[in-house]
Full PDB file with SEQRES, HELIX, SHEET, SSBOND, CRYST1, ORIGX, SCALE, CONECT and MASTER records, all heavy atoms in Angstrom:
SEQRES   1 A   36  PRO ARG ILE GLU GLN TRP LEU HIS ALA LEU ARG GLU ARG          
SEQRES   2 A   36  TRP SER VAL ARG ARG SER ALA ARG GLN ILE VAL PRO TRP          
SEQRES   3 A   36  SER LYS VAL THR ALA LEU ASN PRO HIS HIS                      
HELIX    1 AA1 ARG A    2  TRP A   14  1                                  13    
HELIX    2 AA2 TRP A   26  LYS A   28  5                                   3    
CRYST1    1.000    1.000    1.000  90.00  90.00  90.00 P 1           1          
ORIGX1      1.000000  0.000000  0.000000        0.00000                         
ORIGX2      0.000000  1.000000  0.000000        0.00000                         
ORIGX3      0.000000  0.000000  1.000000        0.00000                         
SCALE1      1.000000  0.000000  0.000000        0.00000                         
SCALE2      0.000000  1.000000  0.000000        0.00000                         
SCALE3      0.000000  0.000000  1.000000        0.00000                         
ATOM      1  N   PRO A   1      11.558 -15.864 -20.192  1.00  0.00           N  
ATOM      2  CA  PRO A   1      12.211 -16.831 -19.251  1.00  0.00           C  
ATOM      3  C   PRO A   1      13.627 -17.115 -19.524  1.00  0.00           C  
ATOM      4  O   PRO A   1      14.375 -17.362 -18.571  1.00  0.00           O  
ATOM      5  CB  PRO A   1      11.325 -17.995 -19.368  1.00  0.00           C  
ATOM      6  CG  PRO A   1      10.013 -17.556 -19.913  1.00  0.00           C  
ATOM      7  CD  PRO A   1      10.327 -16.351 -20.765  1.00  0.00           C  
ATOM      8  N   ARG A   2      13.953 -17.150 -20.744  1.00  0.00           N  
ATOM      9  CA  ARG A   2      15.447 -17.567 -20.997  1.00  0.00           C  
ATOM     10  C   ARG A   2      16.412 -16.433 -20.654  1.00  0.00           C  
ATOM     11  O   ARG A   2      17.562 -16.639 -20.219  1.00  0.00           O  
ATOM     12  CB  ARG A   2      15.595 -17.839 -22.569  1.00  0.00           C  
ATOM     13  CG  ARG A   2      15.084 -19.174 -22.903  1.00  0.00           C  
ATOM     14  CD  ARG A   2      15.593 -19.666 -24.181  1.00  0.00           C  
ATOM     15  NE  ARG A   2      14.862 -20.957 -24.529  1.00  0.00           N  
ATOM     16  CZ  ARG A   2      14.990 -21.544 -25.634  1.00  0.00           C  
ATOM     17  NH1 ARG A   2      15.702 -21.060 -26.619  1.00  0.00           N  
ATOM     18  NH2 ARG A   2      14.473 -22.711 -25.752  1.00  0.00           N  
ATOM     19  N   ILE A   3      15.942 -15.205 -20.765  1.00  0.00           N  
ATOM     20  CA  ILE A   3      16.835 -14.076 -20.312  1.00  0.00           C  
ATOM     21  C   ILE A   3      16.946 -14.186 -18.744  1.00  0.00           C  
ATOM     22  O   ILE A   3      17.916 -13.953 -18.181  1.00  0.00           O  
ATOM     23  CB  ILE A   3      16.220 -12.709 -20.709  1.00  0.00           C  
ATOM     24  CG1 ILE A   3      16.193 -12.565 -22.259  1.00  0.00           C  
ATOM     25  CG2 ILE A   3      16.963 -11.556 -20.049  1.00  0.00           C  
ATOM     26  CD1 ILE A   3      15.534 -11.435 -22.851  1.00  0.00           C  
ATOM     27  N   GLU A   4      15.767 -14.648 -18.087  1.00  0.00           N  
ATOM     28  CA  GLU A   4      15.967 -14.733 -16.615  1.00  0.00           C  
ATOM     29  C   GLU A   4      16.894 -15.856 -16.308  1.00  0.00           C  
ATOM     30  O   GLU A   4      17.853 -15.692 -15.381  1.00  0.00           O  
ATOM     31  CB  GLU A   4      14.562 -15.148 -16.005  1.00  0.00           C  
ATOM     32  CG  GLU A   4      14.638 -15.517 -14.576  1.00  0.00           C  
ATOM     33  CD  GLU A   4      13.299 -16.144 -14.183  1.00  0.00           C  
ATOM     34  OE1 GLU A   4      12.544 -16.652 -14.892  1.00  0.00           O  
ATOM     35  OE2 GLU A   4      13.177 -16.127 -12.893  1.00  0.00           O  
ATOM     36  N   GLN A   5      16.891 -17.012 -17.020  1.00  0.00           N  
ATOM     37  CA  GLN A   5      17.813 -18.096 -16.822  1.00  0.00           C  
ATOM     38  C   GLN A   5      19.348 -17.611 -17.023  1.00  0.00           C  
ATOM     39  O   GLN A   5      20.167 -17.890 -16.222  1.00  0.00           O  
ATOM     40  CB  GLN A   5      17.513 -19.308 -17.711  1.00  0.00           C  
ATOM     41  CG  GLN A   5      16.214 -19.935 -17.321  1.00  0.00           C  
ATOM     42  CD  GLN A   5      15.767 -20.955 -18.387  1.00  0.00           C  
ATOM     43  OE1 GLN A   5      16.433 -21.053 -19.449  1.00  0.00           O  
ATOM     44  NE2 GLN A   5      14.690 -21.675 -18.030  1.00  0.00           N  
ATOM     45  N   TRP A   6      19.516 -16.849 -18.082  1.00  0.00           N  
ATOM     46  CA  TRP A   6      20.869 -16.384 -18.337  1.00  0.00           C  
ATOM     47  C   TRP A   6      21.366 -15.437 -17.270  1.00  0.00           C  
ATOM     48  O   TRP A   6      22.532 -15.578 -16.856  1.00  0.00           O  
ATOM     49  CB  TRP A   6      20.818 -15.660 -19.796  1.00  0.00           C  
ATOM     50  CG  TRP A   6      22.066 -15.146 -20.230  1.00  0.00           C  
ATOM     51  CD1 TRP A   6      23.159 -15.860 -20.671  1.00  0.00           C  
ATOM     52  CD2 TRP A   6      22.441 -13.693 -20.271  1.00  0.00           C  
ATOM     53  NE1 TRP A   6      24.142 -15.041 -21.181  1.00  0.00           N  
ATOM     54  CE2 TRP A   6      23.725 -13.692 -20.850  1.00  0.00           C  
ATOM     55  CE3 TRP A   6      21.757 -12.584 -20.026  1.00  0.00           C  
ATOM     56  CZ2 TRP A   6      24.450 -12.560 -21.056  1.00  0.00           C  
ATOM     57  CZ3 TRP A   6      22.517 -11.433 -20.270  1.00  0.00           C  
ATOM     58  CH2 TRP A   6      23.734 -11.411 -20.733  1.00  0.00           C  
ATOM     59  N   LEU A   7      20.475 -14.467 -16.797  1.00  0.00           N  
ATOM     60  CA  LEU A   7      20.993 -13.566 -15.873  1.00  0.00           C  
ATOM     61  C   LEU A   7      21.188 -14.352 -14.566  1.00  0.00           C  
ATOM     62  O   LEU A   7      22.073 -13.904 -13.763  1.00  0.00           O  
ATOM     63  CB  LEU A   7      19.877 -12.387 -15.732  1.00  0.00           C  
ATOM     64  CG  LEU A   7      20.020 -11.318 -16.683  1.00  0.00           C  
ATOM     65  CD1 LEU A   7      18.905 -10.267 -16.432  1.00  0.00           C  
ATOM     66  CD2 LEU A   7      21.346 -10.599 -16.595  1.00  0.00           C  
ATOM     67  N   HIS A   8      20.314 -15.226 -14.229  1.00  0.00           N  
ATOM     68  CA  HIS A   8      20.465 -16.007 -12.985  1.00  0.00           C  
ATOM     69  C   HIS A   8      21.870 -16.709 -12.971  1.00  0.00           C  
ATOM     70  O   HIS A   8      22.558 -16.809 -11.999  1.00  0.00           O  
ATOM     71  CB  HIS A   8      19.327 -17.058 -12.846  1.00  0.00           C  
ATOM     72  CG  HIS A   8      19.433 -17.823 -11.570  1.00  0.00           C  
ATOM     73  ND1 HIS A   8      19.078 -17.123 -10.272  1.00  0.00           N  
ATOM     74  CD2 HIS A   8      19.782 -19.036 -11.243  1.00  0.00           C  
ATOM     75  CE1 HIS A   8      19.209 -18.016  -9.396  1.00  0.00           C  
ATOM     76  NE2 HIS A   8      19.624 -19.166  -9.875  1.00  0.00           N  
ATOM     77  N   ALA A   9      22.227 -17.331 -14.161  1.00  0.00           N  
ATOM     78  CA  ALA A   9      23.526 -17.953 -14.257  1.00  0.00           C  
ATOM     79  C   ALA A   9      24.727 -17.041 -14.068  1.00  0.00           C  
ATOM     80  O   ALA A   9      25.716 -17.288 -13.353  1.00  0.00           O  
ATOM     81  CB  ALA A   9      23.712 -18.673 -15.601  1.00  0.00           C  
ATOM     82  N   LEU A  10      24.620 -15.779 -14.677  1.00  0.00           N  
ATOM     83  CA  LEU A  10      25.643 -14.779 -14.365  1.00  0.00           C  
ATOM     84  C   LEU A  10      25.682 -14.335 -13.017  1.00  0.00           C  
ATOM     85  O   LEU A  10      26.781 -14.091 -12.406  1.00  0.00           O  
ATOM     86  CB  LEU A  10      25.301 -13.520 -15.282  1.00  0.00           C  
ATOM     87  CG  LEU A  10      25.576 -13.656 -16.773  1.00  0.00           C  
ATOM     88  CD1 LEU A  10      25.078 -12.391 -17.549  1.00  0.00           C  
ATOM     89  CD2 LEU A  10      26.963 -13.964 -17.113  1.00  0.00           C  
ATOM     90  N   ARG A  11      24.580 -14.184 -12.334  1.00  0.00           N  
ATOM     91  CA  ARG A  11      24.488 -13.813 -10.969  1.00  0.00           C  
ATOM     92  C   ARG A  11      25.087 -14.800 -10.048  1.00  0.00           C  
ATOM     93  O   ARG A  11      25.892 -14.477  -9.194  1.00  0.00           O  
ATOM     94  CB  ARG A  11      23.011 -13.541 -10.518  1.00  0.00           C  
ATOM     95  CG  ARG A  11      23.031 -12.871  -9.154  1.00  0.00           C  
ATOM     96  CD  ARG A  11      21.637 -13.199  -8.538  1.00  0.00           C  
ATOM     97  NE  ARG A  11      21.534 -14.566  -8.064  1.00  0.00           N  
ATOM     98  CZ  ARG A  11      22.138 -15.025  -7.056  1.00  0.00           C  
ATOM     99  NH1 ARG A  11      22.842 -14.324  -6.249  1.00  0.00           N  
ATOM    100  NH2 ARG A  11      21.874 -16.278  -6.647  1.00  0.00           N  
ATOM    101  N   GLU A  12      24.835 -16.104 -10.344  1.00  0.00           N  
ATOM    102  CA  GLU A  12      25.436 -17.225  -9.499  1.00  0.00           C  
ATOM    103  C   GLU A  12      26.936 -17.159  -9.551  1.00  0.00           C  
ATOM    104  O   GLU A  12      27.557 -17.450  -8.604  1.00  0.00           O  
ATOM    105  CB  GLU A  12      24.914 -18.550 -10.081  1.00  0.00           C  
ATOM    106  CG  GLU A  12      23.445 -18.788  -9.709  1.00  0.00           C  
ATOM    107  CD  GLU A  12      23.261 -19.089  -8.205  1.00  0.00           C  
ATOM    108  OE1 GLU A  12      24.097 -19.829  -7.534  1.00  0.00           O  
ATOM    109  OE2 GLU A  12      22.359 -18.596  -7.657  1.00  0.00           O  
ATOM    110  N   ARG A  13      27.454 -16.752 -10.709  1.00  0.00           N  
ATOM    111  CA  ARG A  13      28.929 -16.829 -10.880  1.00  0.00           C  
ATOM    112  C   ARG A  13      29.636 -15.500 -10.310  1.00  0.00           C  
ATOM    113  O   ARG A  13      30.697 -15.608  -9.783  1.00  0.00           O  
ATOM    114  CB  ARG A  13      29.231 -16.898 -12.318  1.00  0.00           C  
ATOM    115  CG  ARG A  13      30.754 -17.183 -12.633  1.00  0.00           C  
ATOM    116  CD  ARG A  13      30.874 -17.595 -14.035  1.00  0.00           C  
ATOM    117  NE  ARG A  13      32.213 -18.317 -13.880  1.00  0.00           N  
ATOM    118  CZ  ARG A  13      32.684 -19.087 -14.821  1.00  0.00           C  
ATOM    119  NH1 ARG A  13      31.918 -19.355 -15.896  1.00  0.00           N  
ATOM    120  NH2 ARG A  13      33.940 -19.586 -14.754  1.00  0.00           N  
ATOM    121  N   TRP A  14      28.993 -14.351 -10.520  1.00  0.00           N  
ATOM    122  CA  TRP A  14      29.757 -13.113 -10.203  1.00  0.00           C  
ATOM    123  C   TRP A  14      29.069 -12.129  -9.206  1.00  0.00           C  
ATOM    124  O   TRP A  14      29.703 -11.184  -8.946  1.00  0.00           O  
ATOM    125  CB  TRP A  14      30.034 -12.372 -11.498  1.00  0.00           C  
ATOM    126  CG  TRP A  14      31.138 -13.024 -12.389  1.00  0.00           C  
ATOM    127  CD1 TRP A  14      32.322 -13.231 -11.964  1.00  0.00           C  
ATOM    128  CD2 TRP A  14      30.911 -13.457 -13.614  1.00  0.00           C  
ATOM    129  NE1 TRP A  14      32.949 -13.971 -13.028  1.00  0.00           N  
ATOM    130  CE2 TRP A  14      32.142 -14.000 -14.055  1.00  0.00           C  
ATOM    131  CE3 TRP A  14      29.904 -13.500 -14.667  1.00  0.00           C  
ATOM    132  CZ2 TRP A  14      32.419 -14.655 -15.303  1.00  0.00           C  
ATOM    133  CZ3 TRP A  14      30.077 -14.070 -15.826  1.00  0.00           C  
ATOM    134  CH2 TRP A  14      31.317 -14.554 -16.235  1.00  0.00           C  
ATOM    135  N   SER A  15      27.910 -12.307  -8.825  1.00  0.00           N  
ATOM    136  CA  SER A  15      27.197 -11.351  -7.977  1.00  0.00           C  
ATOM    137  C   SER A  15      27.567 -11.487  -6.527  1.00  0.00           C  
ATOM    138  O   SER A  15      27.834 -12.621  -6.050  1.00  0.00           O  
ATOM    139  CB  SER A  15      25.630 -11.539  -8.183  1.00  0.00           C  
ATOM    140  OG  SER A  15      25.003 -10.576  -7.357  1.00  0.00           O  
ATOM    141  N   VAL A  16      27.543 -10.357  -5.840  1.00  0.00           N  
ATOM    142  CA  VAL A  16      27.793 -10.328  -4.448  1.00  0.00           C  
ATOM    143  C   VAL A  16      26.497 -10.372  -3.671  1.00  0.00           C  
ATOM    144  O   VAL A  16      26.605 -10.514  -2.428  1.00  0.00           O  
ATOM    145  CB  VAL A  16      28.571  -9.053  -4.072  1.00  0.00           C  
ATOM    146  CG1 VAL A  16      29.964  -9.052  -4.632  1.00  0.00           C  
ATOM    147  CG2 VAL A  16      27.842  -7.837  -4.382  1.00  0.00           C  
ATOM    148  N   ARG A  17      25.421 -10.392  -4.400  1.00  0.00           N  
ATOM    149  CA  ARG A  17      24.135 -10.319  -3.759  1.00  0.00           C  
ATOM    150  C   ARG A  17      23.837 -11.706  -3.111  1.00  0.00           C  
ATOM    151  O   ARG A  17      24.158 -12.684  -3.659  1.00  0.00           O  
ATOM    152  CB  ARG A  17      22.949  -9.989  -4.696  1.00  0.00           C  
ATOM    153  CG  ARG A  17      23.000  -8.576  -4.982  1.00  0.00           C  
ATOM    154  CD  ARG A  17      21.575  -8.096  -5.394  1.00  0.00           C  
ATOM    155  NE  ARG A  17      21.744  -6.647  -5.498  1.00  0.00           N  
ATOM    156  CZ  ARG A  17      20.739  -5.886  -5.746  1.00  0.00           C  
ATOM    157  NH1 ARG A  17      19.538  -6.503  -6.182  1.00  0.00           N  
ATOM    158  NH2 ARG A  17      20.865  -4.605  -5.870  1.00  0.00           N  
ATOM    159  N   ARG A  18      23.060 -11.748  -2.018  1.00  0.00           N  
ATOM    160  CA  ARG A  18      22.812 -12.932  -1.310  1.00  0.00           C  
ATOM    161  C   ARG A  18      21.710 -13.710  -2.018  1.00  0.00           C  
ATOM    162  O   ARG A  18      21.684 -14.962  -1.884  1.00  0.00           O  
ATOM    163  CB  ARG A  18      22.212 -12.536   0.128  1.00  0.00           C  
ATOM    164  CG  ARG A  18      23.320 -12.069   1.007  1.00  0.00           C  
ATOM    165  CD  ARG A  18      22.739 -11.506   2.259  1.00  0.00           C  
ATOM    166  NE  ARG A  18      22.569 -10.023   2.195  1.00  0.00           N  
ATOM    167  CZ  ARG A  18      21.876  -9.337   3.075  1.00  0.00           C  
ATOM    168  NH1 ARG A  18      21.236  -9.874   4.019  1.00  0.00           N  
ATOM    169  NH2 ARG A  18      21.758  -8.044   2.840  1.00  0.00           N  
ATOM    170  N   SER A  19      20.823 -13.112  -2.813  1.00  0.00           N  
ATOM    171  CA  SER A  19      19.790 -13.804  -3.501  1.00  0.00           C  
ATOM    172  C   SER A  19      19.522 -13.034  -4.810  1.00  0.00           C  
ATOM    173  O   SER A  19      19.837 -11.936  -4.983  1.00  0.00           O  
ATOM    174  CB  SER A  19      18.599 -13.896  -2.671  1.00  0.00           C  
ATOM    175  OG  SER A  19      17.976 -12.548  -2.440  1.00  0.00           O  
ATOM    176  N   ALA A  20      18.954 -13.744  -5.757  1.00  0.00           N  
ATOM    177  CA  ALA A  20      18.636 -13.167  -7.029  1.00  0.00           C  
ATOM    178  C   ALA A  20      17.407 -12.296  -6.947  1.00  0.00           C  
ATOM    179  O   ALA A  20      17.332 -11.376  -7.822  1.00  0.00           O  
ATOM    180  CB  ALA A  20      18.354 -14.302  -8.092  1.00  0.00           C  
ATOM    181  N   ARG A  21      16.522 -12.489  -5.997  1.00  0.00           N  
ATOM    182  CA  ARG A  21      15.434 -11.598  -5.941  1.00  0.00           C  
ATOM    183  C   ARG A  21      15.205 -11.321  -4.446  1.00  0.00           C  
ATOM    184  O   ARG A  21      15.472 -12.026  -3.580  1.00  0.00           O  
ATOM    185  CB  ARG A  21      14.072 -12.248  -6.480  1.00  0.00           C  
ATOM    186  CG  ARG A  21      13.740 -13.558  -5.820  1.00  0.00           C  
ATOM    187  CD  ARG A  21      12.452 -14.106  -6.534  1.00  0.00           C  
ATOM    188  NE  ARG A  21      12.423 -14.152  -7.951  1.00  0.00           N  
ATOM    189  CZ  ARG A  21      12.838 -15.004  -8.784  1.00  0.00           C  
ATOM    190  NH1 ARG A  21      13.482 -16.107  -8.195  1.00  0.00           N  
ATOM    191  NH2 ARG A  21      12.695 -14.988 -10.107  1.00  0.00           N  
ATOM    192  N   GLN A  22      14.792 -10.034  -4.233  1.00  0.00           N  
ATOM    193  CA  GLN A  22      14.440  -9.553  -2.928  1.00  0.00           C  
ATOM    194  C   GLN A  22      12.949  -9.587  -2.807  1.00  0.00           C  
ATOM    195  O   GLN A  22      12.177  -9.141  -3.562  1.00  0.00           O  
ATOM    196  CB  GLN A  22      14.947  -8.167  -2.688  1.00  0.00           C  
ATOM    197  CG  GLN A  22      14.687  -7.684  -1.314  1.00  0.00           C  
ATOM    198  CD  GLN A  22      15.229  -6.336  -1.099  1.00  0.00           C  
ATOM    199  OE1 GLN A  22      16.146  -5.800  -1.819  1.00  0.00           O  
ATOM    200  NE2 GLN A  22      14.820  -5.606  -0.062  1.00  0.00           N  
ATOM    201  N   ILE A  23      12.541 -10.075  -1.724  1.00  0.00           N  
ATOM    202  CA  ILE A  23      11.062 -10.185  -1.471  1.00  0.00           C  
ATOM    203  C   ILE A  23      10.664  -9.170  -0.374  1.00  0.00           C  
ATOM    204  O   ILE A  23      11.336  -9.051   0.706  1.00  0.00           O  
ATOM    205  CB  ILE A  23      10.621 -11.608  -0.877  1.00  0.00           C  
ATOM    206  CG1 ILE A  23      10.889 -12.531  -2.132  1.00  0.00           C  
ATOM    207  CG2 ILE A  23       9.212 -11.669  -0.526  1.00  0.00           C  
ATOM    208  CD1 ILE A  23      10.621 -14.033  -1.762  1.00  0.00           C  
ATOM    209  N   VAL A  24       9.670  -8.379  -0.685  1.00  0.00           N  
ATOM    210  CA  VAL A  24       9.067  -7.415   0.282  1.00  0.00           C  
ATOM    211  C   VAL A  24       7.665  -7.831   0.534  1.00  0.00           C  
ATOM    212  O   VAL A  24       6.747  -7.738  -0.207  1.00  0.00           O  
ATOM    213  CB  VAL A  24       9.086  -5.875  -0.340  1.00  0.00           C  
ATOM    214  CG1 VAL A  24       8.376  -4.990   0.544  1.00  0.00           C  
ATOM    215  CG2 VAL A  24      10.456  -5.548  -0.779  1.00  0.00           C  
ATOM    216  N   PRO A  25       7.440  -8.350   1.760  1.00  0.00           N  
ATOM    217  CA  PRO A  25       6.155  -8.696   2.223  1.00  0.00           C  
ATOM    218  C   PRO A  25       5.137  -7.593   2.051  1.00  0.00           C  
ATOM    219  O   PRO A  25       5.492  -6.419   2.511  1.00  0.00           O  
ATOM    220  CB  PRO A  25       6.251  -9.214   3.650  1.00  0.00           C  
ATOM    221  CG  PRO A  25       7.662  -9.460   3.789  1.00  0.00           C  
ATOM    222  CD  PRO A  25       8.422  -8.536   2.895  1.00  0.00           C  
ATOM    223  N   TRP A  26       3.918  -7.791   1.604  1.00  0.00           N  
ATOM    224  CA  TRP A  26       2.965  -6.709   1.439  1.00  0.00           C  
ATOM    225  C   TRP A  26       2.612  -6.079   2.787  1.00  0.00           C  
ATOM    226  O   TRP A  26       2.302  -4.851   2.957  1.00  0.00           O  
ATOM    227  CB  TRP A  26       1.671  -7.233   0.829  1.00  0.00           C  
ATOM    228  CG  TRP A  26       0.718  -6.140   0.550  1.00  0.00           C  
ATOM    229  CD1 TRP A  26      -0.534  -5.984   1.193  1.00  0.00           C  
ATOM    230  CD2 TRP A  26       0.854  -5.023  -0.345  1.00  0.00           C  
ATOM    231  NE1 TRP A  26      -1.127  -4.898   0.675  1.00  0.00           N  
ATOM    232  CE2 TRP A  26      -0.389  -4.329  -0.255  1.00  0.00           C  
ATOM    233  CE3 TRP A  26       1.871  -4.619  -1.162  1.00  0.00           C  
ATOM    234  CZ2 TRP A  26      -0.669  -3.076  -0.931  1.00  0.00           C  
ATOM    235  CZ3 TRP A  26       1.588  -3.502  -1.968  1.00  0.00           C  
ATOM    236  CH2 TRP A  26       0.338  -2.697  -1.780  1.00  0.00           C  
ATOM    237  N   SER A  27       2.658  -6.909   3.879  1.00  0.00           N  
ATOM    238  CA  SER A  27       2.409  -6.396   5.282  1.00  0.00           C  
ATOM    239  C   SER A  27       3.497  -5.269   5.702  1.00  0.00           C  
ATOM    240  O   SER A  27       3.223  -4.554   6.655  1.00  0.00           O  
ATOM    241  CB  SER A  27       2.563  -7.572   6.248  1.00  0.00           C  
ATOM    242  OG  SER A  27       3.747  -8.122   6.307  1.00  0.00           O  
ATOM    243  N   LYS A  28       4.615  -5.166   4.973  1.00  0.00           N  
ATOM    244  CA  LYS A  28       5.665  -4.187   5.328  1.00  0.00           C  
ATOM    245  C   LYS A  28       5.349  -2.870   4.586  1.00  0.00           C  
ATOM    246  O   LYS A  28       6.056  -1.924   4.823  1.00  0.00           O  
ATOM    247  CB  LYS A  28       7.065  -4.702   5.027  1.00  0.00           C  
ATOM    248  CG  LYS A  28       7.473  -5.926   5.865  1.00  0.00           C  
ATOM    249  CD  LYS A  28       7.551  -5.449   7.275  1.00  0.00           C  
ATOM    250  CE  LYS A  28       8.095  -6.646   8.162  1.00  0.00           C  
ATOM    251  NZ  LYS A  28       8.231  -6.227   9.503  1.00  0.00           N  
ATOM    252  N   VAL A  29       4.397  -2.819   3.642  1.00  0.00           N  
ATOM    253  CA  VAL A  29       4.236  -1.637   2.881  1.00  0.00           C  
ATOM    254  C   VAL A  29       3.383  -0.658   3.869  1.00  0.00           C  
ATOM    255  O   VAL A  29       2.310  -1.043   4.323  1.00  0.00           O  
ATOM    256  CB  VAL A  29       3.393  -1.889   1.634  1.00  0.00           C  
ATOM    257  CG1 VAL A  29       2.928  -0.595   0.913  1.00  0.00           C  
ATOM    258  CG2 VAL A  29       4.305  -2.725   0.679  1.00  0.00           C  
ATOM    259  N   THR A  30       3.804   0.606   4.056  1.00  0.00           N  
ATOM    260  CA  THR A  30       3.098   1.486   4.942  1.00  0.00           C  
ATOM    261  C   THR A  30       2.405   2.593   4.157  1.00  0.00           C  
ATOM    262  O   THR A  30       1.398   3.182   4.616  1.00  0.00           O  
ATOM    263  CB  THR A  30       4.127   2.139   5.938  1.00  0.00           C  
ATOM    264  OG1 THR A  30       5.112   2.829   5.165  1.00  0.00           O  
ATOM    265  CG2 THR A  30       4.619   1.095   6.837  1.00  0.00           C  
ATOM    266  N   ALA A  31       2.861   2.915   2.996  1.00  0.00           N  
ATOM    267  CA  ALA A  31       2.205   3.944   2.144  1.00  0.00           C  
ATOM    268  C   ALA A  31       2.345   3.750   0.686  1.00  0.00           C  
ATOM    269  O   ALA A  31       3.442   3.243   0.246  1.00  0.00           O  
ATOM    270  CB  ALA A  31       2.764   5.351   2.572  1.00  0.00           C  
ATOM    271  N   LEU A  32       1.350   4.145  -0.050  1.00  0.00           N  
ATOM    272  CA  LEU A  32       1.526   4.050  -1.541  1.00  0.00           C  
ATOM    273  C   LEU A  32       0.950   5.319  -2.039  1.00  0.00           C  
ATOM    274  O   LEU A  32      -0.196   5.799  -1.823  1.00  0.00           O  
ATOM    275  CB  LEU A  32       0.607   2.842  -2.009  1.00  0.00           C  
ATOM    276  CG  LEU A  32       0.364   2.729  -3.451  1.00  0.00           C  
ATOM    277  CD1 LEU A  32       1.718   2.379  -4.146  1.00  0.00           C  
ATOM    278  CD2 LEU A  32      -0.629   1.560  -3.795  1.00  0.00           C  
ATOM    279  N   ASN A  33       1.795   6.057  -2.779  1.00  0.00           N  
ATOM    280  CA  ASN A  33       1.477   7.332  -3.391  1.00  0.00           C  
ATOM    281  C   ASN A  33       1.863   7.341  -4.821  1.00  0.00           C  
ATOM    282  O   ASN A  33       2.587   6.446  -5.281  1.00  0.00           O  
ATOM    283  CB  ASN A  33       1.896   8.563  -2.533  1.00  0.00           C  
ATOM    284  CG  ASN A  33       3.400   8.657  -2.509  1.00  0.00           C  
ATOM    285  OD1 ASN A  33       4.165   8.533  -3.526  1.00  0.00           O  
ATOM    286  ND2 ASN A  33       4.028   8.768  -1.342  1.00  0.00           N  
ATOM    287  N   PRO A  34       1.563   8.421  -5.569  1.00  0.00           N  
ATOM    288  CA  PRO A  34       1.829   8.444  -7.010  1.00  0.00           C  
ATOM    289  C   PRO A  34       3.270   8.359  -7.252  1.00  0.00           C  
ATOM    290  O   PRO A  34       3.856   7.988  -8.346  1.00  0.00           O  
ATOM    291  CB  PRO A  34       1.259   9.734  -7.457  1.00  0.00           C  
ATOM    292  CG  PRO A  34       0.214  10.108  -6.482  1.00  0.00           C  
ATOM    293  CD  PRO A  34       0.642   9.510  -5.175  1.00  0.00           C  
ATOM    294  N   HIS A  35       4.267   8.797  -6.244  1.00  0.00           N  
ATOM    295  CA  HIS A  35       5.617   8.886  -6.450  1.00  0.00           C  
ATOM    296  C   HIS A  35       6.409   7.620  -6.025  1.00  0.00           C  
ATOM    297  O   HIS A  35       7.466   7.234  -6.646  1.00  0.00           O  
ATOM    298  CB  HIS A  35       6.122  10.099  -5.766  1.00  0.00           C  
ATOM    299  CG  HIS A  35       5.433  11.324  -6.149  1.00  0.00           C  
ATOM    300  ND1 HIS A  35       5.531  11.925  -7.298  1.00  0.00           N  
ATOM    301  CD2 HIS A  35       4.699  12.139  -5.371  1.00  0.00           C  
ATOM    302  CE1 HIS A  35       4.810  12.964  -7.450  1.00  0.00           C  
ATOM    303  NE2 HIS A  35       4.156  13.100  -6.315  1.00  0.00           N  
ATOM    304  N   HIS A  36       6.046   7.036  -4.984  1.00  0.00           N  
ATOM    305  CA  HIS A  36       6.777   5.842  -4.469  1.00  0.00           C  
ATOM    306  C   HIS A  36       5.867   4.988  -3.556  1.00  0.00           C  
ATOM    307  O   HIS A  36       4.772   5.370  -3.158  1.00  0.00           O  
ATOM    308  CB  HIS A  36       7.978   6.237  -3.765  1.00  0.00           C  
ATOM    309  CG  HIS A  36       7.796   7.162  -2.537  1.00  0.00           C  
ATOM    310  ND1 HIS A  36       7.941   8.479  -2.650  1.00  0.00           N  
ATOM    311  CD2 HIS A  36       7.328   6.855  -1.308  1.00  0.00           C  
ATOM    312  CE1 HIS A  36       7.689   9.006  -1.506  1.00  0.00           C  
ATOM    313  NE2 HIS A  36       7.286   8.090  -0.749  1.00  0.00           N  
TER     314      HIS A  36                                                      
MASTER        0    0    0    2    0    0    0    6  313    1    0    3          
END                                                                             
């Protein structure tokens, strides 16, 4: 958890990403195979 807090602080300061985590709803998953 401390590494998460540290990275979150870095991301808040320098990241261009809109959010620290991207959420993919399970309802959007169409296929699951051994590769992807």
